[in-house]
Amino acid sequence: MPRVHVFGFFSFWSCFDNVFLDHVSVIYVVKFLLPDVPLIPGTRYGASLRKQIKKMEVSQHSKYFCEFCGKYAVKRKAVGIWGCKDCGKVKAGGAYTLNTASAVTVRSTIRRLREQTES
């Protein structure tokens, strides 16, 4: 969902001489769409690097699923620290994503070995 900026309230004092109004208040609304993630470097540094930066920033600003309360409310607090807004649990994770690829691999390997020993 794109973000929208809405600007302000301007009042015009007696700018309409031929109208029977001494004071006219007009709400002047300017809307323009902002990109999902602002790309700071602009057109510099090449397309592939800008795509990597965009992917990183999208992943770090998105909400993730909380295993404790079952809601999409986990957001990044600091580098590697992720906290749930609803239940208040704090979890360590990756710098830009909640679960890194290596952590997912280790977790699945541990689960597979545990299932082998139990059966």
PDB file of N, CA and C in Angstrom:
ATOM      1  N   MET A   1       0.846  -1.175   0.000  1.00  0.00           N
ATOM      2  CA  MET A   1       0.000   0.000   0.000  1.00  0.00           C
ATOM      3  C   MET A   1       0.892   1.239   0.000  1.00  0.00           C
ATOM      4  N   PRO A   2       0.752   2.100  -0.972  1.00  0.00           N
ATOM      5  CA  PRO A   2       1.635   3.269  -1.035  1.00  0.00           C
ATOM      6  C   PRO A   2       1.290   4.293   0.032  1.00  0.00           C
ATOM      7  N   ARG A   3       2.311   4.938   0.517  1.00  0.00           N
ATOM      8  CA  ARG A   3       2.110   5.995   1.498  1.00  0.00           C
ATOM      9  C   ARG A   3       1.768   7.287   0.780  1.00  0.00           C
ATOM     10  N   VAL A   4       0.999   8.138   1.428  1.00  0.00           N
ATOM     11  CA  VAL A   4       0.551   9.388   0.818  1.00  0.00           C
ATOM     12  C   VAL A   4       0.848  10.523   1.782  1.00  0.00           C
ATOM     13  N   HIS A   5       1.436  11.588   1.278  1.00  0.00           N
ATOM     14  CA  HIS A   5       1.632  12.793   2.076  1.00  0.00           C
ATOM     15  C   HIS A   5       0.459  13.728   1.849  1.00  0.00           C
ATOM     16  N   VAL A   6      -0.055  14.299   2.915  1.00  0.00           N
ATOM     17  CA  VAL A   6      -1.127  15.288   2.815  1.00  0.00           C
ATOM     18  C   VAL A   6      -0.630  16.550   3.486  1.00  0.00           C
ATOM     19  N   PHE A   7      -0.635  17.650   2.763  1.00  0.00           N
ATOM     20  CA  PHE A   7      -0.187  18.909   3.315  1.00  0.00           C
ATOM     21  C   PHE A   7      -1.375  19.814   3.489  1.00  0.00           C
ATOM     22  N   GLY A   8      -1.345  20.503   4.421  1.00  0.00           N
ATOM     23  CA  GLY A   8      -1.875  21.494   5.101  1.00  0.00           C
ATOM     24  C   GLY A   8      -3.044  22.355   4.961  1.00  0.00           C
ATOM     25  N   PHE A   9      -3.063  23.356   5.714  1.00  0.00           N
ATOM     26  CA  PHE A   9      -4.209  24.247   5.864  1.00  0.00           C
ATOM     27  C   PHE A   9      -3.751  25.656   5.532  1.00  0.00           C
ATOM     28  N   PHE A  10      -4.330  26.207   4.488  1.00  0.00           N
ATOM     29  CA  PHE A  10      -3.982  27.560   4.086  1.00  0.00           C
ATOM     30  C   PHE A  10      -5.233  28.419   4.184  1.00  0.00           C
ATOM     31  N   SER A  11      -5.092  29.591   4.686  1.00  0.00           N
ATOM     32  CA  SER A  11      -6.254  30.482   4.739  1.00  0.00           C
ATOM     33  C   SER A  11      -5.945  31.731   3.922  1.00  0.00           C
ATOM     34  N   PHE A  12      -6.926  32.164   3.207  1.00  0.00           N
ATOM     35  CA  PHE A  12      -6.781  33.338   2.368  1.00  0.00           C
ATOM     36  C   PHE A  12      -7.635  34.449   2.968  1.00  0.00           C
ATOM     37  N   TRP A  13      -7.028  35.549   3.347  1.00  0.00           N
ATOM     38  CA  TRP A  13      -7.733  36.643   3.994  1.00  0.00           C
ATOM     39  C   TRP A  13      -8.190  37.635   2.943  1.00  0.00           C
ATOM     40  N   SER A  14      -9.478  37.759   2.835  1.00  0.00           N
ATOM     41  CA  SER A  14     -10.155  38.719   1.951  1.00  0.00           C
ATOM     42  C   SER A  14      -9.518  38.772   0.563  1.00  0.00           C
ATOM     43  N   CYS A  15      -9.316  37.619  -0.006  1.00  0.00           N
ATOM     44  CA  CYS A  15      -8.749  37.585  -1.345  1.00  0.00           C
ATOM     45  C   CYS A  15      -9.843  37.591  -2.411  1.00  0.00           C
ATOM     46  N   PHE A  16     -11.080  37.461  -1.976  1.00  0.00           N
ATOM     47  CA  PHE A  16     -12.197  37.507  -2.915  1.00  0.00           C
ATOM     48  C   PHE A  16     -12.971  38.797  -2.655  1.00  0.00           C
ATOM     49  N   ASP A  17     -12.671  39.848  -3.389  1.00  0.00           N
ATOM     50  CA  ASP A  17     -13.311  41.143  -3.164  1.00  0.00           C
ATOM     51  C   ASP A  17     -14.747  41.167  -3.674  1.00  0.00           C
ATOM     52  N   ASN A  18     -15.005  40.459  -4.766  1.00  0.00           N
ATOM     53  CA  ASN A  18     -16.343  40.522  -5.320  1.00  0.00           C
ATOM     54  C   ASN A  18     -17.305  39.534  -4.660  1.00  0.00           C
ATOM     55  N   VAL A  19     -16.829  38.735  -3.726  1.00  0.00           N
ATOM     56  CA  VAL A  19     -17.690  37.804  -2.998  1.00  0.00           C
ATOM     57  C   VAL A  19     -17.980  38.421  -1.637  1.00  0.00           C
ATOM     58  N   PHE A  20     -19.133  38.117  -1.089  1.00  0.00           N
ATOM     59  CA  PHE A  20     -19.555  38.721   0.176  1.00  0.00           C
ATOM     60  C   PHE A  20     -18.961  38.008   1.383  1.00  0.00           C
ATOM     61  N   LEU A  21     -17.719  37.602   1.300  1.00  0.00           N
ATOM     62  CA  LEU A  21     -17.062  36.931   2.406  1.00  0.00           C
ATOM     63  C   LEU A  21     -15.849  37.745   2.830  1.00  0.00           C
ATOM     64  N   ASP A  22     -15.733  37.980   4.119  1.00  0.00           N
ATOM     65  CA  ASP A  22     -14.552  38.674   4.615  1.00  0.00           C
ATOM     66  C   ASP A  22     -13.370  37.709   4.757  1.00  0.00           C
ATOM     67  N   HIS A  23     -13.682  36.499   5.139  1.00  0.00           N
ATOM     68  CA  HIS A  23     -12.625  35.520   5.400  1.00  0.00           C
ATOM     69  C   HIS A  23     -13.014  34.207   4.735  1.00  0.00           C
ATOM     70  N   VAL A  24     -12.139  33.679   3.949  1.00  0.00           N
ATOM     71  CA  VAL A  24     -12.383  32.396   3.299  1.00  0.00           C
ATOM     72  C   VAL A  24     -11.283  31.444   3.749  1.00  0.00           C
ATOM     73  N   SER A  25     -11.687  30.341   4.348  1.00  0.00           N
ATOM     74  CA  SER A  25     -10.727  29.312   4.743  1.00  0.00           C
ATOM     75  C   SER A  25     -10.841  28.150   3.770  1.00  0.00           C
ATOM     76  N   VAL A  26      -9.742  27.772   3.242  1.00  0.00           N
ATOM     77  CA  VAL A  26      -9.723  26.693   2.267  1.00  0.00           C
ATOM     78  C   VAL A  26      -8.720  25.655   2.750  1.00  0.00           C
ATOM     79  N   ILE A  27      -9.145  24.408   2.754  1.00  0.00           N
ATOM     80  CA  ILE A  27      -8.205  23.336   3.047  1.00  0.00           C
ATOM     81  C   ILE A  27      -7.564  22.945   1.732  1.00  0.00           C
ATOM     82  N   TYR A  28      -6.289  23.148   1.652  1.00  0.00           N
ATOM     83  CA  TYR A  28      -5.538  22.894   0.432  1.00  0.00           C
ATOM     84  C   TYR A  28      -4.802  21.574   0.620  1.00  0.00           C
ATOM     85  N   VAL A  29      -5.181  20.576  -0.138  1.00  0.00           N
ATOM     86  CA  VAL A  29      -4.640  19.238   0.042  1.00  0.00           C
ATOM     87  C   VAL A  29      -3.793  18.884  -1.170  1.00  0.00           C
ATOM     88  N   VAL A  30      -2.574  18.515  -0.890  1.00  0.00           N
ATOM     89  CA  VAL A  30      -1.672  18.065  -1.941  1.00  0.00           C
ATOM     90  C   VAL A  30      -1.335  16.618  -1.630  1.00  0.00           C
ATOM     91  N   LYS A  31      -1.636  15.735  -2.558  1.00  0.00           N
ATOM     92  CA  LYS A  31      -1.329  14.326  -2.363  1.00  0.00           C
ATOM     93  C   LYS A  31      -0.334  13.893  -3.430  1.00  0.00           C
ATOM     94  N   PHE A  32       0.655  13.162  -3.010  1.00  0.00           N
ATOM     95  CA  PHE A  32       1.546  12.541  -3.978  1.00  0.00           C
ATOM     96  C   PHE A  32       2.014  11.221  -3.397  1.00  0.00           C
ATOM     97  N   LEU A  33       2.233  10.275  -4.257  1.00  0.00           N
ATOM     98  CA  LEU A  33       2.611   8.939  -3.825  1.00  0.00           C
ATOM     99  C   LEU A  33       4.106   8.882  -3.558  1.00  0.00           C
ATOM    100  N   LEU A  34       4.442   8.229  -2.462  1.00  0.00           N
ATOM    101  CA  LEU A  34       5.839   7.988  -2.139  1.00  0.00           C
ATOM    102  C   LEU A  34       6.183   6.557  -2.519  1.00  0.00           C
ATOM    103  N   PRO A  35       7.417   6.272  -2.871  1.00  0.00           N
ATOM    104  CA  PRO A  35       7.775   4.881  -3.141  1.00  0.00           C
ATOM    105  C   PRO A  35       7.751   4.078  -1.848  1.00  0.00           C
ATOM    106  N   ASP A  36       7.657   2.758  -1.970  1.00  0.00           N
ATOM    107  CA  ASP A  36       7.620   1.905  -0.792  1.00  0.00           C
ATOM    108  C   ASP A  36       8.894   2.056   0.030  1.00  0.00           C
ATOM    109  N   VAL A  37      10.021   2.053  -0.632  1.00  0.00           N
ATOM    110  CA  VAL A  37      11.305   2.252   0.038  1.00  0.00           C
ATOM    111  C   VAL A  37      12.037   3.344  -0.726  1.00  0.00           C
ATOM    112  N   PRO A  38      12.377   4.446  -0.072  1.00  0.00           N
ATOM    113  CA  PRO A  38      13.082   5.504  -0.791  1.00  0.00           C
ATOM    114  C   PRO A  38      14.503   5.076  -1.124  1.00  0.00           C
ATOM    115  N   LEU A  39      14.844   5.144  -2.378  1.00  0.00           N
ATOM    116  CA  LEU A  39      16.190   4.766  -2.797  1.00  0.00           C
ATOM    117  C   LEU A  39      17.081   5.997  -2.726  1.00  0.00           C
ATOM    118  N   ILE A  40      17.944   6.032  -1.755  1.00  0.00           N
ATOM    119  CA  ILE A  40      18.767   7.199  -1.472  1.00  0.00           C
ATOM    120  C   ILE A  40      19.782   7.484  -2.580  1.00  0.00           C
ATOM    121  N   PRO A  41      20.483   6.476  -3.134  1.00  0.00           N
ATOM    122  CA  PRO A  41      21.532   6.824  -4.090  1.00  0.00           C
ATOM    123  C   PRO A  41      21.030   7.356  -5.420  1.00  0.00           C
ATOM    124  N   GLY A  42      19.738   7.273  -5.688  1.00  0.00           N
ATOM    125  CA  GLY A  42      19.219   7.793  -6.943  1.00  0.00           C
ATOM    126  C   GLY A  42      19.636   6.923  -8.109  1.00  0.00           C
ATOM    127  N   THR A  43      20.258   7.520  -9.106  1.00  0.00           N
ATOM    128  CA  THR A  43      20.673   6.756 -10.283  1.00  0.00           C
ATOM    129  C   THR A  43      22.119   6.298 -10.198  1.00  0.00           C
ATOM    130  N   ARG A  44      22.750   6.485  -9.082  1.00  0.00           N
ATOM    131  CA  ARG A  44      24.164   6.127  -8.959  1.00  0.00           C
ATOM    132  C   ARG A  44      24.338   4.661  -8.559  1.00  0.00           C
ATOM    133  N   TYR A  45      25.529   4.149  -8.723  1.00  0.00           N
ATOM    134  CA  TYR A  45      26.029   2.866  -8.222  1.00  0.00           C
ATOM    135  C   TYR A  45      25.490   1.639  -8.944  1.00  0.00           C
ATOM    136  N   GLY A  46      24.733   1.771  -9.987  1.00  0.00           N
ATOM    137  CA  GLY A  46      24.311   0.616 -10.770  1.00  0.00           C
ATOM    138  C   GLY A  46      23.007   0.007 -10.300  1.00  0.00           C
ATOM    139  N   ALA A  47      22.349  -0.669 -11.227  1.00  0.00           N
ATOM    140  CA  ALA A  47      21.015  -1.208 -10.955  1.00  0.00           C
ATOM    141  C   ALA A  47      21.061  -2.398 -10.010  1.00  0.00           C
ATOM    142  N   SER A  48      22.058  -3.267 -10.149  1.00  0.00           N
ATOM    143  CA  SER A  48      22.082  -4.475  -9.321  1.00  0.00           C
ATOM    144  C   SER A  48      22.301  -4.134  -7.852  1.00  0.00           C
ATOM    145  N   LEU A  49      23.155  -3.162  -7.570  1.00  0.00           N
ATOM    146  CA  LEU A  49      23.361  -2.770  -6.174  1.00  0.00           C
ATOM    147  C   LEU A  49      22.122  -2.097  -5.597  1.00  0.00           C
ATOM    148  N   ARG A  50      21.444  -1.288  -6.412  1.00  0.00           N
ATOM    149  CA  ARG A  50      20.218  -0.651  -5.926  1.00  0.00           C
ATOM    150  C   ARG A  50      19.122  -1.681  -5.673  1.00  0.00           C
ATOM    151  N   LYS A  51      19.077  -2.744  -6.485  1.00  0.00           N
ATOM    152  CA  LYS A  51      18.104  -3.815  -6.255  1.00  0.00           C
ATOM    153  C   LYS A  51      18.404  -4.557  -4.960  1.00  0.00           C
ATOM    154  N   GLN A  52      19.689  -4.794  -4.679  1.00  0.00           N
ATOM    155  CA  GLN A  52      20.066  -5.455  -3.430  1.00  0.00           C
ATOM    156  C   GLN A  52      19.691  -4.594  -2.227  1.00  0.00           C
ATOM    157  N   ILE A  53      19.928  -3.294  -2.330  1.00  0.00           N
ATOM    158  CA  ILE A  53      19.587  -2.387  -1.234  1.00  0.00           C
ATOM    159  C   ILE A  53      18.084  -2.355  -1.021  1.00  0.00           C
ATOM    160  N   LYS A  54      17.323  -2.319  -2.109  1.00  0.00           N
ATOM    161  CA  LYS A  54      15.869  -2.294  -1.982  1.00  0.00           C
ATOM    162  C   LYS A  54      15.361  -3.572  -1.333  1.00  0.00           C
ATOM    163  N   LYS A  55      15.895  -4.724  -1.740  1.00  0.00           N
ATOM    164  CA  LYS A  55      15.484  -5.997  -1.152  1.00  0.00           C
ATOM    165  C   LYS A  55      15.786  -6.021   0.342  1.00  0.00           C
ATOM    166  N   MET A  56      16.966  -5.526   0.714  1.00  0.00           N
ATOM    167  CA  MET A  56      17.363  -5.489   2.115  1.00  0.00           C
ATOM    168  C   MET A  56      16.450  -4.568   2.921  1.00  0.00           C
ATOM    169  N   GLU A  57      16.148  -3.382   2.391  1.00  0.00           N
ATOM    170  CA  GLU A  57      15.319  -2.431   3.130  1.00  0.00           C
ATOM    171  C   GLU A  57      13.870  -2.880   3.217  1.00  0.00           C
ATOM    172  N   VAL A  58      13.359  -3.517   2.176  1.00  0.00           N
ATOM    173  CA  VAL A  58      11.990  -4.036   2.234  1.00  0.00           C
ATOM    174  C   VAL A  58      11.891  -5.120   3.291  1.00  0.00           C
ATOM    175  N   SER A  59      12.881  -6.016   3.335  1.00  0.00           N
ATOM    176  CA  SER A  59      12.827  -7.105   4.307  1.00  0.00           C
ATOM    177  C   SER A  59      13.005  -6.599   5.732  1.00  0.00           C
ATOM    178  N   GLN A  60      13.795  -5.568   5.934  1.00  0.00           N
ATOM    179  CA  GLN A  60      14.006  -5.107   7.306  1.00  0.00           C
ATOM    180  C   GLN A  60      12.843  -4.261   7.820  1.00  0.00           C
ATOM    181  N   HIS A  61      12.040  -3.669   6.930  1.00  0.00           N
ATOM    182  CA  HIS A  61      10.922  -2.846   7.383  1.00  0.00           C
ATOM    183  C   HIS A  61       9.591  -3.583   7.387  1.00  0.00           C
ATOM    184  N   SER A  62       9.567  -4.831   6.925  1.00  0.00           N
ATOM    185  CA  SER A  62       8.300  -5.551   6.875  1.00  0.00           C
ATOM    186  C   SER A  62       8.012  -6.214   8.219  1.00  0.00           C
ATOM    187  N   LYS A  63       6.752  -6.626   8.381  1.00  0.00           N
ATOM    188  CA  LYS A  63       6.338  -7.312   9.604  1.00  0.00           C
ATOM    189  C   LYS A  63       6.442  -8.813   9.388  1.00  0.00           C
ATOM    190  N   TYR A  64       6.829  -9.529  10.449  1.00  0.00           N
ATOM    191  CA  TYR A  64       7.015 -10.962  10.378  1.00  0.00           C
ATOM    192  C   TYR A  64       6.059 -11.655  11.334  1.00  0.00           C
ATOM    193  N   PHE A  65       5.909 -12.970  11.142  1.00  0.00           N
ATOM    194  CA  PHE A  65       4.992 -13.780  11.936  1.00  0.00           C
ATOM    195  C   PHE A  65       5.619 -14.112  13.284  1.00  0.00           C
ATOM    196  N   CYS A  66       4.855 -13.926  14.352  1.00  0.00           N
ATOM    197  CA  CYS A  66       5.317 -14.248  15.705  1.00  0.00           C
ATOM    198  C   CYS A  66       4.878 -15.674  16.043  1.00  0.00           C
ATOM    199  N   GLU A  67       5.835 -16.531  16.426  1.00  0.00           N
ATOM    200  CA  GLU A  67       5.502 -17.909  16.775  1.00  0.00           C
ATOM    201  C   GLU A  67       4.800 -18.001  18.121  1.00  0.00           C
ATOM    202  N   PHE A  68       4.953 -16.984  18.952  1.00  0.00           N
ATOM    203  CA  PHE A  68       4.387 -17.038  20.291  1.00  0.00           C
ATOM    204  C   PHE A  68       2.910 -16.668  20.313  1.00  0.00           C
ATOM    205  N   CYS A  69       2.542 -15.573  19.657  1.00  0.00           N
ATOM    206  CA  CYS A  69       1.143 -15.124  19.701  1.00  0.00           C
ATOM    207  C   CYS A  69       0.385 -15.405  18.411  1.00  0.00           C
ATOM    208  N   GLY A  70       1.081 -15.762  17.332  1.00  0.00           N
ATOM    209  CA  GLY A  70       0.413 -16.123  16.091  1.00  0.00           C
ATOM    210  C   GLY A  70      -0.047 -14.951  15.247  1.00  0.00           C
ATOM    211  N   LYS A  71       0.561 -13.791  15.406  1.00  0.00           N
ATOM    212  CA  LYS A  71       0.169 -12.619  14.626  1.00  0.00           C
ATOM    213  C   LYS A  71       1.370 -12.097  13.839  1.00  0.00           C
ATOM    214  N   TYR A  72       1.078 -11.325  12.824  1.00  0.00           N
ATOM    215  CA  TYR A  72       2.133 -10.672  12.055  1.00  0.00           C
ATOM    216  C   TYR A  72       2.449  -9.335  12.715  1.00  0.00           C
ATOM    217  N   ALA A  73       3.253  -9.369  13.772  1.00  0.00           N
ATOM    218  CA  ALA A  73       3.520  -8.158  14.539  1.00  0.00           C
ATOM    219  C   ALA A  73       4.986  -8.007  14.919  1.00  0.00           C
ATOM    220  N   VAL A  74       5.866  -8.838  14.384  1.00  0.00           N
ATOM    221  CA  VAL A  74       7.285  -8.764  14.737  1.00  0.00           C
ATOM    222  C   VAL A  74       7.959  -7.744  13.832  1.00  0.00           C
ATOM    223  N   LYS A  75       8.597  -6.759  14.460  1.00  0.00           N
ATOM    224  CA  LYS A  75       9.318  -5.729  13.715  1.00  0.00           C
ATOM    225  C   LYS A  75      10.735  -5.620  14.251  1.00  0.00           C
ATOM    226  N   ARG A  76      11.593  -5.044  13.448  1.00  0.00           N
ATOM    227  CA  ARG A  76      13.008  -4.897  13.802  1.00  0.00           C
ATOM    228  C   ARG A  76      13.179  -3.744  14.780  1.00  0.00           C
ATOM    229  N   LYS A  77      13.843  -4.017  15.901  1.00  0.00           N
ATOM    230  CA  LYS A  77      14.137  -2.968  16.879  1.00  0.00           C
ATOM    231  C   LYS A  77      15.528  -2.384  16.655  1.00  0.00           C
ATOM    232  N   ALA A  78      16.494  -3.248  16.459  1.00  0.00           N
ATOM    233  CA  ALA A  78      17.876  -2.844  16.192  1.00  0.00           C
ATOM    234  C   ALA A  78      18.493  -3.941  15.335  1.00  0.00           C
ATOM    235  N   VAL A  79      19.780  -3.845  15.083  1.00  0.00           N
ATOM    236  CA  VAL A  79      20.440  -4.841  14.238  1.00  0.00           C
ATOM    237  C   VAL A  79      20.412  -6.189  14.949  1.00  0.00           C
ATOM    238  N   GLY A  80      19.684  -7.145  14.383  1.00  0.00           N
ATOM    239  CA  GLY A  80      19.614  -8.488  14.943  1.00  0.00           C
ATOM    240  C   GLY A  80      18.648  -8.651  16.090  1.00  0.00           C
ATOM    241  N   ILE A  81      17.922  -7.612  16.476  1.00  0.00           N
ATOM    242  CA  ILE A  81      16.961  -7.694  17.579  1.00  0.00           C
ATOM    243  C   ILE A  81      15.574  -7.436  17.015  1.00  0.00           C
ATOM    244  N   TRP A  82      14.678  -8.399  17.211  1.00  0.00           N
ATOM    245  CA  TRP A  82      13.327  -8.338  16.673  1.00  0.00           C
ATOM    246  C   TRP A  82      12.345  -8.467  17.824  1.00  0.00           C
ATOM    247  N   GLY A  83      11.328  -7.632  17.845  1.00  0.00           N
ATOM    248  CA  GLY A  83      10.359  -7.650  18.928  1.00  0.00           C
ATOM    249  C   GLY A  83       8.938  -7.673  18.412  1.00  0.00           C
ATOM    250  N   CYS A  84       8.079  -8.377  19.143  1.00  0.00           N
ATOM    251  CA  CYS A  84       6.662  -8.463  18.787  1.00  0.00           C
ATOM    252  C   CYS A  84       5.921  -7.318  19.464  1.00  0.00           C
ATOM    253  N   LYS A  85       5.089  -6.616  18.690  1.00  0.00           N
ATOM    254  CA  LYS A  85       4.330  -5.492  19.238  1.00  0.00           C
ATOM    255  C   LYS A  85       3.197  -5.962  20.135  1.00  0.00           C
ATOM    256  N   ASP A  86       2.619  -7.147  19.848  1.00  0.00           N
ATOM    257  CA  ASP A  86       1.456  -7.606  20.603  1.00  0.00           C
ATOM    258  C   ASP A  86       1.839  -8.280  21.914  1.00  0.00           C
ATOM    259  N   CYS A  87       2.673  -9.326  21.832  1.00  0.00           N
ATOM    260  CA  CYS A  87       2.972 -10.073  23.056  1.00  0.00           C
ATOM    261  C   CYS A  87       4.228  -9.572  23.762  1.00  0.00           C
ATOM    262  N   GLY A  88       5.030  -8.742  23.117  1.00  0.00           N
ATOM    263  CA  GLY A  88       6.197  -8.159  23.768  1.00  0.00           C
ATOM    264  C   GLY A  88       7.426  -9.049  23.794  1.00  0.00           C
ATOM    265  N   LYS A  89       7.379 -10.212  23.157  1.00  0.00           N
ATOM    266  CA  LYS A  89       8.538 -11.102  23.135  1.00  0.00           C
ATOM    267  C   LYS A  89       9.632 -10.504  22.255  1.00  0.00           C
ATOM    268  N   VAL A  90      10.866 -10.693  22.672  1.00  0.00           N
ATOM    269  CA  VAL A  90      12.022 -10.207  21.922  1.00  0.00           C
ATOM    270  C   VAL A  90      12.820 -11.423  21.474  1.00  0.00           C
ATOM    271  N   LYS A  91      13.230 -11.410  20.215  1.00  0.00           N
ATOM    272  CA  LYS A  91      13.916 -12.556  19.634  1.00  0.00           C
ATOM    273  C   LYS A  91      15.150 -12.072  18.888  1.00  0.00           C
ATOM    274  N   ALA A  92      16.213 -12.869  18.933  1.00  0.00           N
ATOM    275  CA  ALA A  92      17.409 -12.567  18.151  1.00  0.00           C
ATOM    276  C   ALA A  92      17.261 -13.189  16.778  1.00  0.00           C
ATOM    277  N   GLY A  93      17.695 -12.457  15.774  1.00  0.00           N
ATOM    278  CA  GLY A  93      17.583 -12.957  14.403  1.00  0.00           C
ATOM    279  C   GLY A  93      18.672 -12.362  13.551  1.00  0.00           C
ATOM    280  N   GLY A  94      18.406 -12.284  12.276  1.00  0.00           N
ATOM    281  CA  GLY A  94      19.371 -11.719  11.352  1.00  0.00           C
ATOM    282  C   GLY A  94      19.335 -10.206  11.385  1.00  0.00           C
ATOM    283  N   ALA A  95      20.271  -9.608  10.684  1.00  0.00           N
ATOM    284  CA  ALA A  95      20.346  -8.150  10.668  1.00  0.00           C
ATOM    285  C   ALA A  95      19.208  -7.540   9.869  1.00  0.00           C
ATOM    286  N   TYR A  96      18.822  -8.186   8.766  1.00  0.00           N
ATOM    287  CA  TYR A  96      17.803  -7.611   7.896  1.00  0.00           C
ATOM    288  C   TYR A  96      16.552  -8.463   7.794  1.00  0.00           C
ATOM    289  N   THR A  97      16.618  -9.743   8.172  1.00  0.00           N
ATOM    290  CA  THR A  97      15.445 -10.617   8.189  1.00  0.00           C
ATOM    291  C   THR A  97      15.369 -11.294   9.544  1.00  0.00           C
ATOM    292  N   LEU A  98      14.172 -11.729   9.896  1.00  0.00           N
ATOM    293  CA  LEU A  98      13.994 -12.381  11.192  1.00  0.00           C
ATOM    294  C   LEU A  98      14.725 -13.718  11.228  1.00  0.00           C
ATOM    295  N   ASN A  99      14.590 -14.508  10.182  1.00  0.00           N
ATOM    296  CA  ASN A  99      15.257 -15.807  10.105  1.00  0.00           C
ATOM    297  C   ASN A  99      16.219 -15.794   8.924  1.00  0.00           C
ATOM    298  N   THR A 100      17.500 -15.999   9.208  1.00  0.00           N
ATOM    299  CA  THR A 100      18.473 -16.049   8.123  1.00  0.00           C
ATOM    300  C   THR A 100      18.410 -17.417   7.442  1.00  0.00           C
ATOM    301  N   ALA A 101      18.985 -17.506   6.259  1.00  0.00           N
ATOM    302  CA  ALA A 101      18.956 -18.764   5.509  1.00  0.00           C
ATOM    303  C   ALA A 101      19.719 -19.863   6.242  1.00  0.00           C
ATOM    304  N   SER A 102      20.851 -19.517   6.840  1.00  0.00           N
ATOM    305  CA  SER A 102      21.626 -20.526   7.564  1.00  0.00           C
ATOM    306  C   SER A 102      20.897 -20.989   8.825  1.00  0.00           C
ATOM    307  N   ALA A 103      20.176 -20.091   9.485  1.00  0.00           N
ATOM    308  CA  ALA A 103      19.418 -20.480  10.674  1.00  0.00           C
ATOM    309  C   ALA A 103      18.281 -21.427  10.312  1.00  0.00           C
ATOM    310  N   VAL A 104      17.638 -21.193   9.183  1.00  0.00           N
ATOM    311  CA  VAL A 104      16.569 -22.085   8.730  1.00  0.00           C
ATOM    312  C   VAL A 104      17.134 -23.462   8.402  1.00  0.00           C
ATOM    313  N   THR A 105      18.314 -23.503   7.780  1.00  0.00           N
ATOM    314  CA  THR A 105      18.957 -24.776   7.450  1.00  0.00           C
ATOM    315  C   THR A 105      19.319 -25.546   8.712  1.00  0.00           C
ATOM    316  N   VAL A 106      19.897 -24.866   9.686  1.00  0.00           N
ATOM    317  CA  VAL A 106      20.277 -25.513  10.945  1.00  0.00           C
ATOM    318  C   VAL A 106      19.045 -26.026  11.670  1.00  0.00           C
ATOM    319  N   ARG A 107      17.986 -25.231  11.708  1.00  0.00           N
ATOM    320  CA  ARG A 107      16.762 -25.629  12.395  1.00  0.00           C
ATOM    321  C   ARG A 107      16.136 -26.863  11.745  1.00  0.00           C
ATOM    322  N   SER A 108      16.125 -26.906  10.412  1.00  0.00           N
ATOM    323  CA  SER A 108      15.547 -28.071   9.732  1.00  0.00           C
ATOM    324  C   SER A 108      16.423 -29.309   9.909  1.00  0.00           C
ATOM    325  N   THR A 109      17.745 -29.129   9.947  1.00  0.00           N
ATOM    326  CA  THR A 109      18.645 -30.259  10.170  1.00  0.00           C
ATOM    327  C   THR A 109      18.469 -30.820  11.571  1.00  0.00           C
ATOM    328  N   ILE A 110      18.355 -29.953  12.561  1.00  0.00           N
ATOM    329  CA  ILE A 110      18.138 -30.404  13.940  1.00  0.00           C
ATOM    330  C   ILE A 110      16.811 -31.142  14.054  1.00  0.00           C
ATOM    331  N   ARG A 111      15.775 -30.641  13.408  1.00  0.00           N
ATOM    332  CA  ARG A 111      14.466 -31.301  13.448  1.00  0.00           C
ATOM    333  C   ARG A 111      14.538 -32.677  12.783  1.00  0.00           C
ATOM    334  N   ARG A 112      15.236 -32.770  11.646  1.00  0.00           N
ATOM    335  CA  ARG A 112      15.357 -34.046  10.938  1.00  0.00           C
ATOM    336  C   ARG A 112      16.130 -35.059  11.773  1.00  0.00           C
ATOM    337  N   LEU A 113      17.243 -34.632  12.415  1.00  0.00           N
ATOM    338  CA  LEU A 113      18.024 -35.547  13.254  1.00  0.00           C
ATOM    339  C   LEU A 113      17.237 -35.976  14.486  1.00  0.00           C
ATOM    340  N   ARG A 114      16.451 -35.062  15.052  1.00  0.00           N
ATOM    341  CA  ARG A 114      15.630 -35.403  16.212  1.00  0.00           C
ATOM    342  C   ARG A 114      14.576 -36.445  15.841  1.00  0.00           C
ATOM    343  N   GLU A 115      13.972 -36.292  14.664  1.00  0.00           N
ATOM    344  CA  GLU A 115      12.975 -37.269  14.219  1.00  0.00           C
ATOM    345  C   GLU A 115      13.611 -38.623  13.937  1.00  0.00           C
ATOM    346  N   GLN A 116      14.864 -38.643  13.448  1.00  0.00           N
ATOM    347  CA  GLN A 116      15.547 -39.911  13.193  1.00  0.00           C
ATOM    348  C   GLN A 116      15.856 -40.643  14.488  1.00  0.00           C
ATOM    349  N   THR A 117      16.278 -39.913  15.522  1.00  0.00           N
ATOM    350  CA  THR A 117      16.620 -40.572  16.787  1.00  0.00           C
ATOM    351  C   THR A 117      15.374 -41.047  17.522  1.00  0.00           C
ATOM    352  N   GLU A 118      14.256 -40.334  17.387  1.00  0.00           N
ATOM    353  CA  GLU A 118      13.034 -40.734  18.082  1.00  0.00           C
ATOM    354  C   GLU A 118      12.391 -41.954  17.435  1.00  0.00           C
ATOM    355  N   SER A 119      12.526 -42.094  16.124  1.00  0.00           N
ATOM    356  CA  SER A 119      11.861 -43.224  15.461  1.00  0.00           C
ATOM    357  C   SER A 119      12.759 -44.423  15.258  1.00  0.00           C
TER     358      SER A 119
END
